[in-house]
């Protein structure tokens, strides 16, 4: 799915871009990936809560970006991403970040549910949405990254399910990859790469 561009005719004055997330690991990843975009990336305010009750990754991305942009009166970018495991009928899917109370317990739950299962195929998916200050969707993008769930975590980097997801072409887990490799093959990196030219244009 290529980036979907929506017309936005007003001249940009502000340079702030809110990331509709409170995940500090995610904002560090975004700062690297958007380093060539002339904007200041900020985490959404602590006081702002957005309920992720959509039925799809796209629904949740749009809801997060739209609410944060309207309540901060500036541009906002959001992604809803997760891991879909074939043997678990696509779970955790949209519930990836809510599959247990923290990263370690989420990993433990997945490994327990896959105990003895030979088919370990999985993919990460990211749906990204950018909204204007009035909450209007102006850019969308989606990308996937395919691999397998390994039996024991490897690597010390990344966050979430990164230590147990082995990317198919490199045979490295996301937690073992350096930034350059991860940015080139991760679901979020590929989805962002599609829209960077449009973000540069907005913030030019």
C-alpha atoms as a PDB file:
ATOM      1  CA  UNK A   1       0.000   0.000   0.000  1.00  0.00           C
ATOM      2  CA  UNK A   2       1.531   3.291  -1.089  1.00  0.00           C
ATOM      3  CA  UNK A   3       1.152   6.560   0.780  1.00  0.00           C
ATOM      4  CA  UNK A   4      -2.228   8.233   0.374  1.00  0.00           C
ATOM      5  CA  UNK A   5      -1.943  12.027   0.127  1.00  0.00           C
ATOM      6  CA  UNK A   6      -4.714  14.457   1.000  1.00  0.00           C
ATOM      7  CA  UNK A   7      -4.794  18.085  -0.099  1.00  0.00           C
ATOM      8  CA  UNK A   8      -3.877  20.660   2.501  1.00  0.00           C
ATOM      9  CA  UNK A   9      -3.922  24.152   1.114  1.00  0.00           C
ATOM     10  CA  UNK A  10      -2.948  26.366   4.054  1.00  0.00           C
ATOM     11  CA  UNK A  11       0.558  27.708   4.510  1.00  0.00           C
ATOM     12  CA  UNK A  12       2.385  26.059   7.407  1.00  0.00           C
ATOM     13  CA  UNK A  13       3.553  28.375  10.180  1.00  0.00           C
ATOM     14  CA  UNK A  14       4.382  26.029  13.088  1.00  0.00           C
ATOM     15  CA  UNK A  15       7.276  23.569  13.113  1.00  0.00           C
ATOM     16  CA  UNK A  16       6.106  21.214  15.867  1.00  0.00           C
ATOM     17  CA  UNK A  17       4.974  17.694  15.073  1.00  0.00           C
ATOM     18  CA  UNK A  18       3.413  15.748  17.919  1.00  0.00           C
ATOM     19  CA  UNK A  19       3.906  11.993  18.000  1.00  0.00           C
ATOM     20  CA  UNK A  20       0.623  10.578  19.274  1.00  0.00           C
ATOM     21  CA  UNK A  21       2.299   8.256  21.739  1.00  0.00           C
ATOM     22  CA  UNK A  22       3.779   8.228  25.236  1.00  0.00           C
ATOM     23  CA  UNK A  23       6.351   5.574  24.324  1.00  0.00           C
ATOM     24  CA  UNK A  24       9.823   7.074  24.806  1.00  0.00           C
ATOM     25  CA  UNK A  25      11.426   4.251  22.836  1.00  0.00           C
ATOM     26  CA  UNK A  26       9.180   5.018  19.884  1.00  0.00           C
ATOM     27  CA  UNK A  27       9.968   8.750  19.849  1.00  0.00           C
ATOM     28  CA  UNK A  28      13.708   8.039  19.758  1.00  0.00           C
ATOM     29  CA  UNK A  29      13.124   5.796  16.734  1.00  0.00           C
ATOM     30  CA  UNK A  30      10.995   8.486  15.053  1.00  0.00           C
ATOM     31  CA  UNK A  31      13.606  11.178  15.696  1.00  0.00           C
ATOM     32  CA  UNK A  32      16.196   9.135  13.809  1.00  0.00           C
ATOM     33  CA  UNK A  33      13.850   8.247  10.969  1.00  0.00           C
ATOM     34  CA  UNK A  34      12.600  11.841  10.561  1.00  0.00           C
ATOM     35  CA  UNK A  35      15.982  13.515  11.033  1.00  0.00           C
ATOM     36  CA  UNK A  36      15.801  15.060   7.535  1.00  0.00           C
ATOM     37  CA  UNK A  37      12.379  16.645   8.166  1.00  0.00           C
ATOM     38  CA  UNK A  38      12.499  20.263   9.353  1.00  0.00           C
ATOM     39  CA  UNK A  39      10.312  19.866  12.444  1.00  0.00           C
ATOM     40  CA  UNK A  40      10.516  19.458  16.219  1.00  0.00           C
ATOM     41  CA  UNK A  41       9.121  16.092  17.250  1.00  0.00           C
ATOM     42  CA  UNK A  42       7.290  16.035  20.591  1.00  0.00           C
ATOM     43  CA  UNK A  43       5.544  13.315  22.600  1.00  0.00           C
ATOM     44  CA  UNK A  44       1.843  13.812  23.234  1.00  0.00           C
ATOM     45  CA  UNK A  45       1.111  15.568  26.569  1.00  0.00           C
ATOM     46  CA  UNK A  46       0.923  13.303  29.624  1.00  0.00           C
ATOM     47  CA  UNK A  47      -2.523  14.673  30.419  1.00  0.00           C
ATOM     48  CA  UNK A  48      -3.928  13.525  27.069  1.00  0.00           C
ATOM     49  CA  UNK A  49      -5.335  10.010  26.839  1.00  0.00           C
ATOM     50  CA  UNK A  50      -6.637   8.421  23.647  1.00  0.00           C
ATOM     51  CA  UNK A  51      -8.579   5.169  23.837  1.00  0.00           C
ATOM     52  CA  UNK A  52      -7.472   2.751  21.130  1.00  0.00           C
ATOM     53  CA  UNK A  53     -10.831   1.122  20.454  1.00  0.00           C
ATOM     54  CA  UNK A  54     -10.652   0.814  16.668  1.00  0.00           C
ATOM     55  CA  UNK A  55     -11.176  -2.488  14.865  1.00  0.00           C
ATOM     56  CA  UNK A  56      -8.114  -2.064  12.616  1.00  0.00           C
ATOM     57  CA  UNK A  57      -4.601  -0.620  12.808  1.00  0.00           C
ATOM     58  CA  UNK A  58      -5.734   2.163  10.465  1.00  0.00           C
ATOM     59  CA  UNK A  59      -8.702   3.058  12.692  1.00  0.00           C
ATOM     60  CA  UNK A  60      -6.448   3.421  15.719  1.00  0.00           C
ATOM     61  CA  UNK A  61      -3.773   5.418  13.896  1.00  0.00           C
ATOM     62  CA  UNK A  62      -6.336   7.888  12.591  1.00  0.00           C
ATOM     63  CA  UNK A  63      -8.041   8.255  15.969  1.00  0.00           C
ATOM     64  CA  UNK A  64      -4.759   8.905  17.795  1.00  0.00           C
ATOM     65  CA  UNK A  65      -3.410  11.412  15.281  1.00  0.00           C
ATOM     66  CA  UNK A  66      -6.732  13.234  14.931  1.00  0.00           C
ATOM     67  CA  UNK A  67      -7.365  13.628  18.656  1.00  0.00           C
ATOM     68  CA  UNK A  68      -3.827  14.742  19.456  1.00  0.00           C
ATOM     69  CA  UNK A  69      -3.733  17.242  16.590  1.00  0.00           C
ATOM     70  CA  UNK A  70      -7.064  18.814  17.560  1.00  0.00           C
ATOM     71  CA  UNK A  71      -6.231  19.039  21.269  1.00  0.00           C
ATOM     72  CA  UNK A  72      -2.725  20.457  20.694  1.00  0.00           C
ATOM     73  CA  UNK A  73      -3.766  22.574  17.691  1.00  0.00           C
ATOM     74  CA  UNK A  74      -0.775  21.435  15.685  1.00  0.00           C
ATOM     75  CA  UNK A  75       0.277  18.640  13.325  1.00  0.00           C
ATOM     76  CA  UNK A  76       0.329  15.118  14.690  1.00  0.00           C
ATOM     77  CA  UNK A  77       1.677  11.794  13.468  1.00  0.00           C
ATOM     78  CA  UNK A  78       0.555   8.437  14.805  1.00  0.00           C
ATOM     79  CA  UNK A  79       1.089   4.834  14.020  1.00  0.00           C
ATOM     80  CA  UNK A  80      -0.713   1.772  15.134  1.00  0.00           C
ATOM     81  CA  UNK A  81       1.566  -1.155  14.782  1.00  0.00           C
ATOM     82  CA  UNK A  82       1.741  -4.666  16.032  1.00  0.00           C
ATOM     83  CA  UNK A  83       2.747  -8.211  15.414  1.00  0.00           C
ATOM     84  CA  UNK A  84       0.501 -10.773  13.752  1.00  0.00           C
ATOM     85  CA  UNK A  85       1.359 -14.433  14.278  1.00  0.00           C
ATOM     86  CA  UNK A  86       0.007 -16.976  11.807  1.00  0.00           C
ATOM     87  CA  UNK A  87      -0.361 -19.874  14.258  1.00  0.00           C
ATOM     88  CA  UNK A  88      -2.309 -17.614  16.637  1.00  0.00           C
ATOM     89  CA  UNK A  89      -4.799 -16.571  13.929  1.00  0.00           C
ATOM     90  CA  UNK A  90      -3.192 -13.144  13.626  1.00  0.00           C
ATOM     91  CA  UNK A  91      -2.957 -12.389  17.323  1.00  0.00           C
ATOM     92  CA  UNK A  92      -1.836 -10.306  19.161  1.00  0.00           C
ATOM     93  CA  UNK A  93      -2.650  -7.980  16.207  1.00  0.00           C
ATOM     94  CA  UNK A  94      -4.253  -4.699  17.259  1.00  0.00           C
ATOM     95  CA  UNK A  95      -3.900  -5.812  20.885  1.00  0.00           C
ATOM     96  CA  UNK A  96      -0.098  -6.151  20.669  1.00  0.00           C
ATOM     97  CA  UNK A  97       0.619  -3.388  23.190  1.00  0.00           C
ATOM     98  CA  UNK A  98      -2.142  -4.629  25.498  1.00  0.00           C
ATOM     99  CA  UNK A  99      -1.401  -8.355  25.370  1.00  0.00           C
ATOM    100  CA  UNK A 100       0.028  -8.194  28.904  1.00  0.00           C
ATOM    101  CA  UNK A 101       1.065  -5.510  31.380  1.00  0.00           C
ATOM    102  CA  UNK A 102       4.654  -4.974  30.139  1.00  0.00           C
ATOM    103  CA  UNK A 103       7.089  -5.989  27.391  1.00  0.00           C
ATOM    104  CA  UNK A 104       8.550  -8.915  29.317  1.00  0.00           C
ATOM    105  CA  UNK A 105       5.146 -10.397  30.136  1.00  0.00           C
ATOM    106  CA  UNK A 106       3.941  -9.890  26.563  1.00  0.00           C
ATOM    107  CA  UNK A 107       6.939 -11.824  25.262  1.00  0.00           C
ATOM    108  CA  UNK A 108       6.384 -14.551  27.837  1.00  0.00           C
ATOM    109  CA  UNK A 109       2.727 -14.898  26.851  1.00  0.00           C
ATOM    110  CA  UNK A 110       3.521 -15.221  23.143  1.00  0.00           C
ATOM    111  CA  UNK A 111       6.245 -17.812  23.755  1.00  0.00           C
ATOM    112  CA  UNK A 112       3.942 -19.796  26.017  1.00  0.00           C
ATOM    113  CA  UNK A 113       1.143 -19.777  23.429  1.00  0.00           C
ATOM    114  CA  UNK A 114       3.613 -20.968  20.760  1.00  0.00           C
ATOM    115  CA  UNK A 115       5.167 -23.672  22.926  1.00  0.00           C
ATOM    116  CA  UNK A 116       5.475 -26.807  20.771  1.00  0.00           C
ATOM    117  CA  UNK A 117       4.176 -25.048  17.645  1.00  0.00           C
ATOM    118  CA  UNK A 118       6.310 -25.534  14.522  1.00  0.00           C
ATOM    119  CA  UNK A 119       4.811 -22.754  12.403  1.00  0.00           C
ATOM    120  CA  UNK A 120       6.426 -19.589  13.777  1.00  0.00           C
ATOM    121  CA  UNK A 121       5.632 -17.285  10.826  1.00  0.00           C
ATOM    122  CA  UNK A 122       4.740 -13.723  11.753  1.00  0.00           C
ATOM    123  CA  UNK A 123       4.791 -10.199  10.443  1.00  0.00           C
ATOM    124  CA  UNK A 124       4.971  -6.745  11.928  1.00  0.00           C
ATOM    125  CA  UNK A 125       2.644  -4.141  10.436  1.00  0.00           C
ATOM    126  CA  UNK A 126       2.588  -0.372  10.810  1.00  0.00           C
ATOM    127  CA  UNK A 127      -0.164   1.963   9.695  1.00  0.00           C
ATOM    128  CA  UNK A 128       0.899   5.621   9.872  1.00  0.00           C
ATOM    129  CA  UNK A 129      -1.341   8.668   9.741  1.00  0.00           C
ATOM    130  CA  UNK A 130      -0.572  12.401   9.750  1.00  0.00           C
ATOM    131  CA  UNK A 131      -3.271  14.923  10.683  1.00  0.00           C
ATOM    132  CA  UNK A 132      -3.432  18.686  10.283  1.00  0.00           C
ATOM    133  CA  UNK A 133      -4.180  20.928  13.316  1.00  0.00           C
ATOM    134  CA  UNK A 134      -7.922  20.604  12.735  1.00  0.00           C
ATOM    135  CA  UNK A 135      -7.754  16.805  12.892  1.00  0.00           C
ATOM    136  CA  UNK A 136      -7.992  16.203   9.145  1.00  0.00           C
ATOM    137  CA  UNK A 137      -6.102  13.201   7.746  1.00  0.00           C
ATOM    138  CA  UNK A 138      -3.575  14.468   5.196  1.00  0.00           C
ATOM    139  CA  UNK A 139      -1.168  11.507   4.756  1.00  0.00           C
ATOM    140  CA  UNK A 140      -1.458   7.748   5.266  1.00  0.00           C
ATOM    141  CA  UNK A 141       1.003   4.903   4.796  1.00  0.00           C
ATOM    142  CA  UNK A 142       1.240   1.195   5.592  1.00  0.00           C
ATOM    143  CA  UNK A 143       4.056  -1.362   5.486  1.00  0.00           C
ATOM    144  CA  UNK A 144       4.841  -4.876   6.716  1.00  0.00           C
ATOM    145  CA  UNK A 145       7.964  -6.780   7.726  1.00  0.00           C
ATOM    146  CA  UNK A 146       8.002 -10.577   7.616  1.00  0.00           C
ATOM    147  CA  UNK A 147       9.836 -13.036   9.833  1.00  0.00           C
ATOM    148  CA  UNK A 148       9.526 -15.691  12.520  1.00  0.00           C
ATOM    149  CA  UNK A 149       9.061 -15.889  16.276  1.00  0.00           C
ATOM    150  CA  UNK A 150      12.104 -17.514  17.876  1.00  0.00           C
ATOM    151  CA  UNK A 151      11.988 -19.654  21.015  1.00  0.00           C
ATOM    152  CA  UNK A 152      14.358 -17.560  23.115  1.00  0.00           C
ATOM    153  CA  UNK A 153      14.891 -13.769  23.083  1.00  0.00           C
ATOM    154  CA  UNK A 154      18.064 -12.473  21.393  1.00  0.00           C
ATOM    155  CA  UNK A 155      19.606  -9.012  21.488  1.00  0.00           C
ATOM    156  CA  UNK A 156      19.476  -6.070  23.868  1.00  0.00           C
ATOM    157  CA  UNK A 157      18.134  -3.258  21.672  1.00  0.00           C
ATOM    158  CA  UNK A 158      14.672  -2.177  20.632  1.00  0.00           C
ATOM    159  CA  UNK A 159      11.485  -2.564  22.614  1.00  0.00           C
ATOM    160  CA  UNK A 160       8.270  -4.575  22.621  1.00  0.00           C
ATOM    161  CA  UNK A 161       8.503  -7.894  20.780  1.00  0.00           C
ATOM    162  CA  UNK A 162      11.836  -7.002  19.115  1.00  0.00           C
ATOM    163  CA  UNK A 163      13.911  -9.688  20.948  1.00  0.00           C
ATOM    164  CA  UNK A 164      11.767 -12.579  19.675  1.00  0.00           C
ATOM    165  CA  UNK A 165      11.084 -11.435  16.088  1.00  0.00           C
ATOM    166  CA  UNK A 166      13.692 -12.698  13.612  1.00  0.00           C
ATOM    167  CA  UNK A 167      13.466 -10.762  10.332  1.00  0.00           C
ATOM    168  CA  UNK A 168      13.440 -13.095   7.326  1.00  0.00           C
ATOM    169  CA  UNK A 169      16.166 -11.581   5.105  1.00  0.00           C
ATOM    170  CA  UNK A 170      18.800 -10.821   7.753  1.00  0.00           C
ATOM    171  CA  UNK A 171      18.049 -13.622  10.233  1.00  0.00           C
ATOM    172  CA  UNK A 172      18.576 -11.018  12.960  1.00  0.00           C
ATOM    173  CA  UNK A 173      16.045 -10.113  15.597  1.00  0.00           C
ATOM    174  CA  UNK A 174      15.023  -6.460  15.720  1.00  0.00           C
ATOM    175  CA  UNK A 175      16.795  -6.324  19.091  1.00  0.00           C
ATOM    176  CA  UNK A 176      20.078  -7.431  17.454  1.00  0.00           C
ATOM    177  CA  UNK A 177      19.984  -4.908  14.616  1.00  0.00           C
ATOM    178  CA  UNK A 178      21.848  -1.627  14.518  1.00  0.00           C
ATOM    179  CA  UNK A 179      19.827   1.460  13.635  1.00  0.00           C
ATOM    180  CA  UNK A 180      20.782   1.454   9.957  1.00  0.00           C
ATOM    181  CA  UNK A 181      19.665  -2.137   9.361  1.00  0.00           C
ATOM    182  CA  UNK A 182      16.491  -1.793  11.406  1.00  0.00           C
ATOM    183  CA  UNK A 183      15.461   1.455   9.724  1.00  0.00           C
ATOM    184  CA  UNK A 184      15.843  -0.147   6.293  1.00  0.00           C
ATOM    185  CA  UNK A 185      13.730  -3.235   6.925  1.00  0.00           C
ATOM    186  CA  UNK A 186      11.364  -2.561   9.809  1.00  0.00           C
ATOM    187  CA  UNK A 187       7.653  -2.063   9.213  1.00  0.00           C
ATOM    188  CA  UNK A 188       7.731   1.406  10.772  1.00  0.00           C
ATOM    189  CA  UNK A 189      10.885   2.397   8.907  1.00  0.00           C
ATOM    190  CA  UNK A 190       9.424   1.350   5.545  1.00  0.00           C
ATOM    191  CA  UNK A 191       6.076   3.055   6.199  1.00  0.00           C
ATOM    192  CA  UNK A 192       7.763   6.298   7.262  1.00  0.00           C
ATOM    193  CA  UNK A 193      10.150   6.217   4.323  1.00  0.00           C
ATOM    194  CA  UNK A 194       7.164   6.350   1.951  1.00  0.00           C
ATOM    195  CA  UNK A 195       5.913   9.638   3.445  1.00  0.00           C
ATOM    196  CA  UNK A 196       9.159  11.474   4.260  1.00  0.00           C
ATOM    197  CA  UNK A 197       9.068  13.440   0.953  1.00  0.00           C
ATOM    198  CA  UNK A 198       5.550  14.625   1.804  1.00  0.00           C
ATOM    199  CA  UNK A 199       6.537  15.582   5.356  1.00  0.00           C
ATOM    200  CA  UNK A 200       9.503  17.527   3.988  1.00  0.00           C
ATOM    201  CA  UNK A 201       7.131  19.358   1.693  1.00  0.00           C
ATOM    202  CA  UNK A 202       4.730  20.224   4.531  1.00  0.00           C
ATOM    203  CA  UNK A 203       7.521  21.453   6.799  1.00  0.00           C
ATOM    204  CA  UNK A 204       9.608  23.135   4.086  1.00  0.00           C
END
